[in-house]
Structure formats: C-alpha cells, structure tokens
PDB file of N, CA and C in Angstrom:
ATOM      1  N   MET A   1      96.746 128.969  36.173  1.00  0.00           N
ATOM      2  CA  MET A   1      95.788 129.113  35.117  1.00  0.00           C
ATOM      3  C   MET A   1      94.434 129.492  35.728  1.00  0.00           C
ATOM      4  N   ILE A   2      93.756 130.418  35.091  1.00  0.00           N
ATOM      5  CA  ILE A   2      92.461 130.883  35.567  1.00  0.00           C
ATOM      6  C   ILE A   2      91.364 130.032  34.950  1.00  0.00           C
ATOM      7  N   LYS A   3      90.471 129.547  35.812  1.00  0.00           N
ATOM      8  CA  LYS A   3      89.331 128.791  35.311  1.00  0.00           C
ATOM      9  C   LYS A   3      88.123 129.722  35.216  1.00  0.00           C
ATOM     10  N   LEU A   4      87.482 129.685  34.069  1.00  0.00           N
ATOM     11  CA  LEU A   4      86.284 130.484  33.882  1.00  0.00           C
ATOM     12  C   LEU A   4      85.064 129.665  34.272  1.00  0.00           C
ATOM     13  N   ARG A   5      84.185 130.294  35.024  1.00  0.00           N
ATOM     14  CA  ARG A   5      82.942 129.613  35.383  1.00  0.00           C
ATOM     15  C   ARG A   5      82.037 129.570  34.164  1.00  0.00           C
ATOM     16  N   ARG A   6      81.324 128.486  34.051  1.00  0.00           N
ATOM     17  CA  ARG A   6      80.323 128.402  32.995  1.00  0.00           C
ATOM     18  C   ARG A   6      79.081 129.108  33.508  1.00  0.00           C
ATOM     19  N   MET A   7      78.822 130.224  32.921  1.00  0.00           N
ATOM     20  CA  MET A   7      77.698 131.019  33.364  1.00  0.00           C
ATOM     21  C   MET A   7      76.506 130.781  32.448  1.00  0.00           C
ATOM     22  N   ASN A   8      75.400 130.347  33.046  1.00  0.00           N
ATOM     23  CA  ASN A   8      74.188 130.197  32.271  1.00  0.00           C
ATOM     24  C   ASN A   8      73.516 131.548  32.123  1.00  0.00           C
ATOM     25  N   ARG A   9      73.040 131.812  30.923  1.00  0.00           N
ATOM     26  CA  ARG A   9      72.324 133.051  30.658  1.00  0.00           C
ATOM     27  C   ARG A   9      70.932 132.704  30.164  1.00  0.00           C
ATOM     28  N   LYS A  10      70.019 133.621  30.382  1.00  0.00           N
ATOM     29  CA  LYS A  10      68.661 133.447  29.897  1.00  0.00           C
ATOM     30  C   LYS A  10      68.550 134.095  28.521  1.00  0.00           C
ATOM     31  N   TYR A  11      67.889 133.392  27.623  1.00  0.00           N
ATOM     32  CA  TYR A  11      67.708 133.877  26.257  1.00  0.00           C
ATOM     33  C   TYR A  11      66.247 133.775  25.847  1.00  0.00           C
ATOM     34  N   ASP A  12      65.827 134.712  25.026  1.00  0.00           N
ATOM     35  CA  ASP A  12      64.554 134.634  24.319  1.00  0.00           C
ATOM     36  C   ASP A  12      64.896 134.275  22.882  1.00  0.00           C
ATOM     37  N   LEU A  13      64.210 133.287  22.360  1.00  0.00           N
ATOM     38  CA  LEU A  13      64.452 132.828  20.998  1.00  0.00           C
ATOM     39  C   LEU A  13      63.124 132.816  20.255  1.00  0.00           C
ATOM     40  N   VAL A  14      63.074 133.502  19.124  1.00  0.00           N
ATOM     41  CA  VAL A  14      61.911 133.438  18.248  1.00  0.00           C
ATOM     42  C   VAL A  14      62.366 132.760  16.965  1.00  0.00           C
ATOM     43  N   VAL A  15      61.627 131.717  16.599  1.00  0.00           N
ATOM     44  CA  VAL A  15      61.961 130.931  15.420  1.00  0.00           C
ATOM     45  C   VAL A  15      60.803 131.045  14.436  1.00  0.00           C
ATOM     46  N   ILE A  16      61.117 131.277  13.161  1.00  0.00           N
ATOM     47  CA  ILE A  16      60.095 131.297  12.112  1.00  0.00           C
ATOM     48  C   ILE A  16      60.271 130.026  11.290  1.00  0.00           C
ATOM     49  N   LEU A  17      59.238 129.184  11.318  1.00  0.00           N
ATOM     50  CA  LEU A  17      59.274 127.904  10.619  1.00  0.00           C
ATOM     51  C   LEU A  17      58.584 128.012   9.266  1.00  0.00           C
ATOM     52  N   GLU A  18      58.907 127.062   8.390  1.00  0.00           N
ATOM     53  CA  GLU A  18      58.248 126.964   7.085  1.00  0.00           C
ATOM     54  C   GLU A  18      56.737 126.897   7.284  1.00  0.00           C
ATOM     55  N   PRO A  19      55.960 127.651   6.523  1.00  0.00           N
ATOM     56  CA  PRO A  19      54.508 127.657   6.720  1.00  0.00           C
ATOM     57  C   PRO A  19      53.825 126.342   6.336  1.00  0.00           C
ATOM     58  N   GLU A  20      54.469 125.521   5.523  1.00  0.00           N
ATOM     59  CA  GLU A  20      53.857 124.266   5.071  1.00  0.00           C
ATOM     60  C   GLU A  20      54.001 123.128   6.077  1.00  0.00           C
ATOM     61  N   LEU A  21      54.741 123.337   7.157  1.00  0.00           N
ATOM     62  CA  LEU A  21      54.971 122.252   8.114  1.00  0.00           C
ATOM     63  C   LEU A  21      53.669 121.825   8.786  1.00  0.00           C
ATOM     64  N   LYS A  22      53.442 120.534   8.822  1.00  0.00           N
ATOM     65  CA  LYS A  22      52.289 119.984   9.530  1.00  0.00           C
ATOM     66  C   LYS A  22      52.594 119.983  11.024  1.00  0.00           C
ATOM     67  N   ALA A  23      51.545 119.827  11.842  1.00  0.00           N
ATOM     68  CA  ALA A  23      51.688 119.879  13.304  1.00  0.00           C
ATOM     69  C   ALA A  23      52.698 118.861  13.810  1.00  0.00           C
ATOM     70  N   GLU A  24      52.674 117.648  13.271  1.00  0.00           N
ATOM     71  CA  GLU A  24      53.612 116.622  13.742  1.00  0.00           C
ATOM     72  C   GLU A  24      55.055 116.949  13.347  1.00  0.00           C
ATOM     73  N   GLU A  25      55.240 117.571  12.181  1.00  0.00           N
ATOM     74  CA  GLU A  25      56.587 117.981  11.770  1.00  0.00           C
ATOM     75  C   GLU A  25      57.100 119.123  12.639  1.00  0.00           C
ATOM     76  N   GLN A  26      56.188 120.028  13.024  1.00  0.00           N
ATOM     77  CA  GLN A  26      56.562 121.123  13.928  1.00  0.00           C
ATOM     78  C   GLN A  26      57.026 120.558  15.263  1.00  0.00           C
ATOM     79  N   GLU A  27      56.249 119.620  15.801  1.00  0.00           N
ATOM     80  CA  GLU A  27      56.592 119.000  17.087  1.00  0.00           C
ATOM     81  C   GLU A  27      57.942 118.289  17.007  1.00  0.00           C
ATOM     82  N   LYS A  28      58.170 117.606  15.897  1.00  0.00           N
ATOM     83  CA  LYS A  28      59.434 116.885  15.711  1.00  0.00           C
ATOM     84  C   LYS A  28      60.614 117.864  15.691  1.00  0.00           C
ATOM     85  N   LEU A  29      60.452 118.975  14.984  1.00  0.00           N
ATOM     86  CA  LEU A  29      61.516 119.979  14.910  1.00  0.00           C
ATOM     87  C   LEU A  29      61.741 120.639  16.268  1.00  0.00           C
ATOM     88  N   LEU A  30      60.663 120.973  16.983  1.00  0.00           N
ATOM     89  CA  LEU A  30      60.807 121.587  18.305  1.00  0.00           C
ATOM     90  C   LEU A  30      61.429 120.616  19.303  1.00  0.00           C
ATOM     91  N   ALA A  31      61.123 119.325  19.173  1.00  0.00           N
ATOM     92  CA  ALA A  31      61.760 118.316  20.029  1.00  0.00           C
ATOM     93  C   ALA A  31      63.258 118.241  19.732  1.00  0.00           C
ATOM     94  N   LYS A  32      63.618 118.379  18.465  1.00  0.00           N
ATOM     95  CA  LYS A  32      65.037 118.369  18.067  1.00  0.00           C
ATOM     96  C   LYS A  32      65.765 119.586  18.650  1.00  0.00           C
ATOM     97  N   ILE A  33      65.106 120.745  18.619  1.00  0.00           N
ATOM     98  CA  ILE A  33      65.696 121.959  19.201  1.00  0.00           C
ATOM     99  C   ILE A  33      65.873 121.774  20.708  1.00  0.00           C
ATOM    100  N   LYS A  34      64.856 121.218  21.368  1.00  0.00           N
ATOM    101  CA  LYS A  34      64.938 120.991  22.814  1.00  0.00           C
ATOM    102  C   LYS A  34      66.073 120.029  23.150  1.00  0.00           C
ATOM    103  N   LYS A  35      66.232 118.969  22.342  1.00  0.00           N
ATOM    104  CA  LYS A  35      67.314 118.009  22.566  1.00  0.00           C
ATOM    105  C   LYS A  35      68.676 118.691  22.398  1.00  0.00           C
ATOM    106  N   THR A  36      68.784 119.552  21.405  1.00  0.00           N
ATOM    107  CA  THR A  36      70.034 120.294  21.199  1.00  0.00           C
ATOM    108  C   THR A  36      70.346 121.154  22.420  1.00  0.00           C
ATOM    109  N   ILE A  37      69.328 121.809  22.965  1.00  0.00           N
ATOM    110  CA  ILE A  37      69.516 122.656  24.153  1.00  0.00           C
ATOM    111  C   ILE A  37      70.010 121.815  25.330  1.00  0.00           C
ATOM    112  N   THR A  38      69.365 120.674  25.573  1.00  0.00           N
ATOM    113  CA  THR A  38      69.766 119.834  26.709  1.00  0.00           C
ATOM    114  C   THR A  38      71.142 119.203  26.478  1.00  0.00           C
ATOM    115  N   ASP A  39      71.464 118.870  25.232  1.00  0.00           N
ATOM    116  CA  ASP A  39      72.797 118.326  24.920  1.00  0.00           C
ATOM    117  C   ASP A  39      73.898 119.344  25.212  1.00  0.00           C
ATOM    118  N   LEU A  40      73.559 120.632  25.093  1.00  0.00           N
ATOM    119  CA  LEU A  40      74.525 121.695  25.356  1.00  0.00           C
ATOM    120  C   LEU A  40      74.482 122.166  26.808  1.00  0.00           C
ATOM    121  N   LYS A  41      73.875 121.351  27.686  1.00  0.00           N
ATOM    122  CA  LYS A  41      73.789 121.618  29.128  1.00  0.00           C
ATOM    123  C   LYS A  41      72.900 122.814  29.449  1.00  0.00           C
ATOM    124  N   GLY A  42      71.885 123.030  28.608  1.00  0.00           N
ATOM    125  CA  GLY A  42      70.933 124.107  28.838  1.00  0.00           C
ATOM    126  C   GLY A  42      69.574 123.530  29.192  1.00  0.00           C
ATOM    127  N   GLU A  43      68.613 124.410  29.358  1.00  0.00           N
ATOM    128  CA  GLU A  43      67.250 123.947  29.639  1.00  0.00           C
ATOM    129  C   GLU A  43      66.239 124.887  28.995  1.00  0.00           C
ATOM    130  N   LEU A  44      65.139 124.312  28.549  1.00  0.00           N
ATOM    131  CA  LEU A  44      64.057 125.059  27.936  1.00  0.00           C
ATOM    132  C   LEU A  44      63.010 125.318  29.007  1.00  0.00           C
ATOM    133  N   SER A  45      62.690 126.589  29.252  1.00  0.00           N
ATOM    134  CA  SER A  45      61.735 126.903  30.319  1.00  0.00           C
ATOM    135  C   SER A  45      60.342 127.217  29.793  1.00  0.00           C
ATOM    136  N   GLU A  46      60.238 127.643  28.543  1.00  0.00           N
ATOM    137  CA  GLU A  46      58.930 127.996  28.005  1.00  0.00           C
ATOM    138  C   GLU A  46      58.936 127.816  26.496  1.00  0.00           C
ATOM    139  N   ASN A  47      57.785 127.384  25.965  1.00  0.00           N
ATOM    140  CA  ASN A  47      57.639 127.129  24.547  1.00  0.00           C
ATOM    141  C   ASN A  47      56.244 127.596  24.155  1.00  0.00           C
ATOM    142  N   VAL A  48      56.144 128.688  23.399  1.00  0.00           N
ATOM    143  CA  VAL A  48      54.844 129.252  23.032  1.00  0.00           C
ATOM    144  C   VAL A  48      54.728 129.326  21.510  1.00  0.00           C
ATOM    145  N   LYS A  49      53.724 128.642  20.974  1.00  0.00           N
ATOM    146  CA  LYS A  49      53.457 128.732  19.540  1.00  0.00           C
ATOM    147  C   LYS A  49      52.586 129.958  19.298  1.00  0.00           C
ATOM    148  N   LEU A  50      53.096 130.868  18.484  1.00  0.00           N
ATOM    149  CA  LEU A  50      52.377 132.097  18.199  1.00  0.00           C
ATOM    150  C   LEU A  50      51.524 131.981  16.939  1.00  0.00           C
ATOM    151  N   GLY A  51      51.672 130.902  16.208  1.00  0.00           N
ATOM    152  CA  GLY A  51      50.853 130.653  15.030  1.00  0.00           C
ATOM    153  C   GLY A  51      51.443 131.194  13.744  1.00  0.00           C
ATOM    154  N   VAL A  52      50.635 131.095  12.683  1.00  0.00           N
ATOM    155  CA  VAL A  52      51.049 131.556  11.354  1.00  0.00           C
ATOM    156  C   VAL A  52      50.832 133.061  11.276  1.00  0.00           C
ATOM    157  N   LYS A  53      51.867 133.766  10.817  1.00  0.00           N
ATOM    158  CA  LYS A  53      51.783 135.227  10.694  1.00  0.00           C
ATOM    159  C   LYS A  53      52.358 135.652   9.344  1.00  0.00           C
ATOM    160  N   GLN A  54      51.851 136.763   8.859  1.00  0.00           N
ATOM    161  CA  GLN A  54      52.372 137.355   7.633  1.00  0.00           C
ATOM    162  C   GLN A  54      53.770 137.914   7.894  1.00  0.00           C
ATOM    163  N   LEU A  55      54.660 137.756   6.941  1.00  0.00           N
ATOM    164  CA  LEU A  55      55.997 138.329   7.044  1.00  0.00           C
ATOM    165  C   LEU A  55      56.000 139.721   6.425  1.00  0.00           C
ATOM    166  N   THR A  56      56.796 140.603   6.949  1.00  0.00           N
ATOM    167  CA  THR A  56      56.898 141.964   6.421  1.00  0.00           C
ATOM    168  C   THR A  56      57.469 141.950   5.009  1.00  0.00           C
ATOM    169  N   TYR A  57      58.391 141.052   4.773  1.00  0.00           N
ATOM    170  CA  TYR A  57      58.982 140.879   3.449  1.00  0.00           C
ATOM    171  C   TYR A  57      59.208 139.379   3.242  1.00  0.00           C
ATOM    172  N   PRO A  58      59.233 138.929   1.995  1.00  0.00           N
ATOM    173  CA  PRO A  58      59.407 137.493   1.739  1.00  0.00           C
ATOM    174  C   PRO A  58      60.777 136.988   2.204  1.00  0.00           C
ATOM    175  N   ILE A  59      60.765 135.798   2.777  1.00  0.00           N
ATOM    176  CA  ILE A  59      61.996 135.107   3.157  1.00  0.00           C
ATOM    177  C   ILE A  59      61.976 133.778   2.423  1.00  0.00           C
ATOM    178  N   SER A  60      62.960 133.539   1.592  1.00  0.00           N
ATOM    179  CA  SER A  60      63.018 132.326   0.771  1.00  0.00           C
ATOM    180  C   SER A  60      61.719 132.141  -0.018  1.00  0.00           C
ATOM    181  N   LYS A  61      61.217 133.244  -0.574  1.00  0.00           N
ATOM    182  CA  LYS A  61      59.996 133.275  -1.388  1.00  0.00           C
ATOM    183  C   LYS A  61      58.728 132.908  -0.616  1.00  0.00           C
ATOM    184  N   LYS A  62      58.793 132.954   0.712  1.00  0.00           N
ATOM    185  CA  LYS A  62      57.631 132.677   1.566  1.00  0.00           C
ATOM    186  C   LYS A  62      57.090 134.003   2.077  1.00  0.00           C
ATOM    187  N   LYS A  63      55.749 134.125   2.084  1.00  0.00           N
ATOM    188  CA  LYS A  63      55.125 135.367   2.543  1.00  0.00           C
ATOM    189  C   LYS A  63      54.568 135.251   3.953  1.00  0.00           C
ATOM    190  N   GLU A  64      54.590 134.044   4.514  1.00  0.00           N
ATOM    191  CA  GLU A  64      54.154 133.844   5.894  1.00  0.00           C
ATOM    192  C   GLU A  64      55.007 132.754   6.524  1.00  0.00           C
ATOM    193  N   GLY A  65      54.928 132.670   7.852  1.00  0.00           N
ATOM    194  CA  GLY A  65      55.706 131.673   8.575  1.00  0.00           C
ATOM    195  C   GLY A  65      55.041 131.340   9.899  1.00  0.00           C
ATOM    196  N   ILE A  66      55.439 130.215  10.466  1.00  0.00           N
ATOM    197  CA  ILE A  66      54.940 129.782  11.765  1.00  0.00           C
ATOM    198  C   ILE A  66      55.912 130.302  12.821  1.00  0.00           C
ATOM    199  N   PHE A  67      55.408 131.148  13.723  1.00  0.00           N
ATOM    200  CA  PHE A  67      56.253 131.753  14.749  1.00  0.00           C
ATOM    201  C   PHE A  67      56.170 130.956  16.047  1.00  0.00           C
ATOM    202  N   VAL A  68      57.338 130.700  16.640  1.00  0.00           N
ATOM    203  CA  VAL A  68      57.418 130.002  17.919  1.00  0.00           C
ATOM    204  C   VAL A  68      58.394 130.771  18.800  1.00  0.00           C
ATOM    205  N   GLU A  69      57.972 131.041  20.048  1.00  0.00           N
ATOM    206  CA  GLU A  69      58.846 131.730  21.005  1.00  0.00           C
ATOM    207  C   GLU A  69      59.309 130.728  22.049  1.00  0.00           C
ATOM    208  N   LEU A  70      60.605 130.717  22.306  1.00  0.00           N
ATOM    209  CA  LEU A  70      61.200 129.822  23.295  1.00  0.00           C
ATOM    210  C   LEU A  70      61.980 130.653  24.302  1.00  0.00           C
ATOM    211  N   LYS A  71      61.870 130.286  25.559  1.00  0.00           N
ATOM    212  CA  LYS A  71      62.700 130.899  26.607  1.00  0.00           C
ATOM    213  C   LYS A  71      63.607 129.796  27.121  1.00  0.00           C
ATOM    214  N   LEU A  72      64.903 130.077  27.152  1.00  0.00           N
ATOM    215  CA  LEU A  72      65.847 129.038  27.526  1.00  0.00           C
ATOM    216  C   LEU A  72      67.005 129.579  28.327  1.00  0.00           C
ATOM    217  N   ASN A  73      67.651 128.683  29.049  1.00  0.00           N
ATOM    218  CA  ASN A  73      68.905 128.961  29.748  1.00  0.00           C
ATOM    219  C   ASN A  73      69.970 128.153  29.032  1.00  0.00           C
ATOM    220  N   LEU A  74      71.103 128.792  28.779  1.00  0.00           N
ATOM    221  CA  LEU A  74      72.173 128.126  28.046  1.00  0.00           C
ATOM    222  C   LEU A  74      73.508 128.684  28.520  1.00  0.00           C
ATOM    223  N   PRO A  75      74.523 127.820  28.665  1.00  0.00           N
ATOM    224  CA  PRO A  75      75.848 128.352  29.002  1.00  0.00           C
ATOM    225  C   PRO A  75      76.307 129.344  27.928  1.00  0.00           C
ATOM    226  N   ALA A  76      76.848 130.447  28.362  1.00  0.00           N
ATOM    227  CA  ALA A  76      77.244 131.513  27.437  1.00  0.00           C
ATOM    228  C   ALA A  76      78.231 131.030  26.374  1.00  0.00           C
ATOM    229  N   ASP A  77      79.075 130.067  26.726  1.00  0.00           N
ATOM    230  CA  ASP A  77      80.066 129.586  25.763  1.00  0.00           C
ATOM    231  C   ASP A  77      79.489 128.594  24.748  1.00  0.00           C
ATOM    232  N   LYS A  78      78.216 128.255  24.877  1.00  0.00           N
ATOM    233  CA  LYS A  78      77.580 127.299  23.963  1.00  0.00           C
ATOM    234  C   LYS A  78      76.655 127.973  22.953  1.00  0.00           C
ATOM    235  N   THR A  79      76.492 129.292  23.048  1.00  0.00           N
ATOM    236  CA  THR A  79      75.535 129.967  22.167  1.00  0.00           C
ATOM    237  C   THR A  79      75.944 129.894  20.698  1.00  0.00           C
ATOM    238  N   LEU A  80      77.206 130.014  20.399  1.00  0.00           N
ATOM    239  CA  LEU A  80      77.658 129.950  19.007  1.00  0.00           C
ATOM    240  C   LEU A  80      77.339 128.590  18.402  1.00  0.00           C
ATOM    241  N   SER A  81      77.616 127.544  19.142  1.00  0.00           N
ATOM    242  CA  SER A  81      77.317 126.191  18.674  1.00  0.00           C
ATOM    243  C   SER A  81      75.818 126.015  18.444  1.00  0.00           C
ATOM    244  N   PHE A  82      75.004 126.547  19.349  1.00  0.00           N
ATOM    245  CA  PHE A  82      73.556 126.446  19.228  1.00  0.00           C
ATOM    246  C   PHE A  82      73.061 127.202  18.000  1.00  0.00           C
ATOM    247  N   ARG A  83      73.579 128.396  17.787  1.00  0.00           N
ATOM    248  CA  ARG A  83      73.181 129.190  16.620  1.00  0.00           C
ATOM    249  C   ARG A  83      73.547 128.475  15.311  1.00  0.00           C
ATOM    250  N   GLN A  84      74.703 127.842  15.281  1.00  0.00           N
ATOM    251  CA  GLN A  84      75.114 127.114  14.081  1.00  0.00           C
ATOM    252  C   GLN A  84      74.172 125.956  13.785  1.00  0.00           C
ATOM    253  N   LYS A  85      73.710 125.285  14.829  1.00  0.00           N
ATOM    254  CA  LYS A  85      72.762 124.186  14.640  1.00  0.00           C
ATOM    255  C   LYS A  85      71.419 124.700  14.123  1.00  0.00           C
ATOM    256  N   LEU A  86      70.979 125.863  14.621  1.00  0.00           N
ATOM    257  CA  LEU A  86      69.730 126.451  14.131  1.00  0.00           C
ATOM    258  C   LEU A  86      69.851 126.834  12.655  1.00  0.00           C
ATOM    259  N   GLN A  87      70.995 127.394  12.281  1.00  0.00           N
ATOM    260  CA  GLN A  87      71.197 127.807  10.891  1.00  0.00           C
ATOM    261  C   GLN A  87      71.216 126.614   9.942  1.00  0.00           C
ATOM    262  N   GLY A  88      71.590 125.451  10.457  1.00  0.00           N
ATOM    263  CA  GLY A  88      71.659 124.252   9.631  1.00  0.00           C
ATOM    264  C   GLY A  88      70.307 123.607   9.367  1.00  0.00           C
ATOM    265  N   GLU A  89      69.281 124.049  10.069  1.00  0.00           N
ATOM    266  CA  GLU A  89      67.943 123.476   9.895  1.00  0.00           C
ATOM    267  C   GLU A  89      67.250 124.120   8.694  1.00  0.00           C
ATOM    268  N   GLU A  90      66.920 123.329   7.699  1.00  0.00           N
ATOM    269  CA  GLU A  90      66.285 123.845   6.489  1.00  0.00           C
ATOM    270  C   GLU A  90      64.853 124.320   6.734  1.00  0.00           C
ATOM    271  N   GLN A  91      64.192 123.781   7.738  1.00  0.00           N
ATOM    272  CA  GLN A  91      62.794 124.121   8.004  1.00  0.00           C
ATOM    273  C   GLN A  91      62.645 125.421   8.801  1.00  0.00           C
ATOM    274  N   ILE A  92      63.762 125.991   9.224  1.00  0.00           N
ATOM    275  CA  ILE A  92      63.744 127.275   9.936  1.00  0.00           C
ATOM    276  C   ILE A  92      64.073 128.376   8.934  1.00  0.00           C
ATOM    277  N   LEU A  93      63.111 129.275   8.729  1.00  0.00           N
ATOM    278  CA  LEU A  93      63.344 130.386   7.803  1.00  0.00           C
ATOM    279  C   LEU A  93      64.274 131.418   8.420  1.00  0.00           C
ATOM    280  N   ARG A  94      63.995 131.795   9.663  1.00  0.00           N
ATOM    281  CA  ARG A  94      64.804 132.769  10.397  1.00  0.00           C
ATOM    282  C   ARG A  94      64.672 132.519  11.881  1.00  0.00           C
ATOM    283  N   TYR A  95      65.610 133.061  12.632  1.00  0.00           N
ATOM    284  CA  TYR A  95      65.509 133.033  14.090  1.00  0.00           C
ATOM    285  C   TYR A  95      66.150 134.293  14.647  1.00  0.00           C
ATOM    286  N   LEU A  96      65.738 134.644  15.848  1.00  0.00           N
ATOM    287  CA  LEU A  96      66.340 135.766  16.564  1.00  0.00           C
ATOM    288  C   LEU A  96      66.530 135.327  18.001  1.00  0.00           C
ATOM    289  N   MET A  97      67.759 135.380  18.467  1.00  0.00           N
ATOM    290  CA  MET A  97      68.079 134.975  19.832  1.00  0.00           C
ATOM    291  C   MET A  97      68.674 136.173  20.560  1.00  0.00           C
ATOM    292  N   VAL A  98      68.016 136.566  21.655  1.00  0.00           N
ATOM    293  CA  VAL A  98      68.422 137.748  22.407  1.00  0.00           C
ATOM    294  C   VAL A  98      68.630 137.363  23.864  1.00  0.00           C
ATOM    295  N   ALA A  99      69.741 137.792  24.449  1.00  0.00           N
ATOM    296  CA  ALA A  99      69.995 137.553  25.867  1.00  0.00           C
ATOM    297  C   ALA A  99      69.147 138.505  26.690  1.00  0.00           C
ATOM    298  N   GLU A 100      68.507 137.950  27.750  1.00  0.00           N
ATOM    299  CA  GLU A 100      67.728 138.794  28.648  1.00  0.00           C
ATOM    300  C   GLU A 100      68.687 139.597  29.507  1.00  0.00           C
ATOM    301  N   GLU A 101      68.284 140.836  29.791  1.00  0.00           N
ATOM    302  CA  GLU A 101      69.123 141.676  30.641  1.00  0.00           C
ATOM    303  C   GLU A 101      69.008 141.240  32.080  1.00  0.00           C
ATOM    304  N   LYS A 102      70.113 141.370  32.803  1.00  0.00           N
ATOM    305  CA  LYS A 102      70.103 141.042  34.235  1.00  0.00           C
ATOM    306  C   LYS A 102      69.415 142.150  34.997  1.00  0.00           C
ATOM    307  N   GLU A 103      68.626 141.763  36.000  1.00  0.00           N
ATOM    308  CA  GLU A 103      67.978 142.767  36.844  1.00  0.00           C
ATOM    309  C   GLU A 103      68.976 143.297  37.859  1.00  0.00           C
ATOM    310  N   ALA A 104      68.915 144.584  38.089  1.00  0.00           N
ATOM    311  CA  ALA A 104      69.851 145.221  39.029  1.00  0.00           C
ATOM    312  C   ALA A 104      69.372 145.094  40.445  1.00  0.00           C
TER     313      ALA A 104
END
C-alpha cells in the first residue's frame, strides 16, 4: 500500500465579515478561525485587518463588509474540511481561499 505524505500548502484567505460586528466579536470569530486551523494541523502566519470596504454588489443585502486577509499553512487534504467550517459561519459573508504558487 502506498502512503501519501501530508503536504502542507500555503494559502491566502480573504474573509468578508458582517459589517455590524463589533471589535470584540471580530476577535472572537478570528480566534475561532485560528483554532480551526490549528485543530486541522495547520498554522496561521499572518492576520491583517483591511477594514470596512464597499462591496461591488450586495451580499445578503449588505453593501459593505469587514475585510480580513489571512496567510496560512494547511495540509492539502484538510482544505475541504476547513472550507466547510468557514461556510457554516453565519458572520462570514464570503471568503476566497487561494493556494500560493510554488517558486521554481
């Protein structure tokens, strides 16, 4: 039987949060995301709050959202589970997770 190595990949994640969230609620949600990452044997390397921005089109009847950029390492086989957990969060309007390209 062939064993597959668990390969960690680097990802950029941009999350759009509900605009009504207070600072403490934002911190609580970001701590929950970080815990999910560590539970899945990943690590969060960077967390940048980009602030409230206008949306190009309304999402769930919201015209603006709080943007947060996260850089993380996660085992490739855990990304689906992580995405499902993000989708289950009601306070997240949208997210985009992109794998960083490997340097040659």
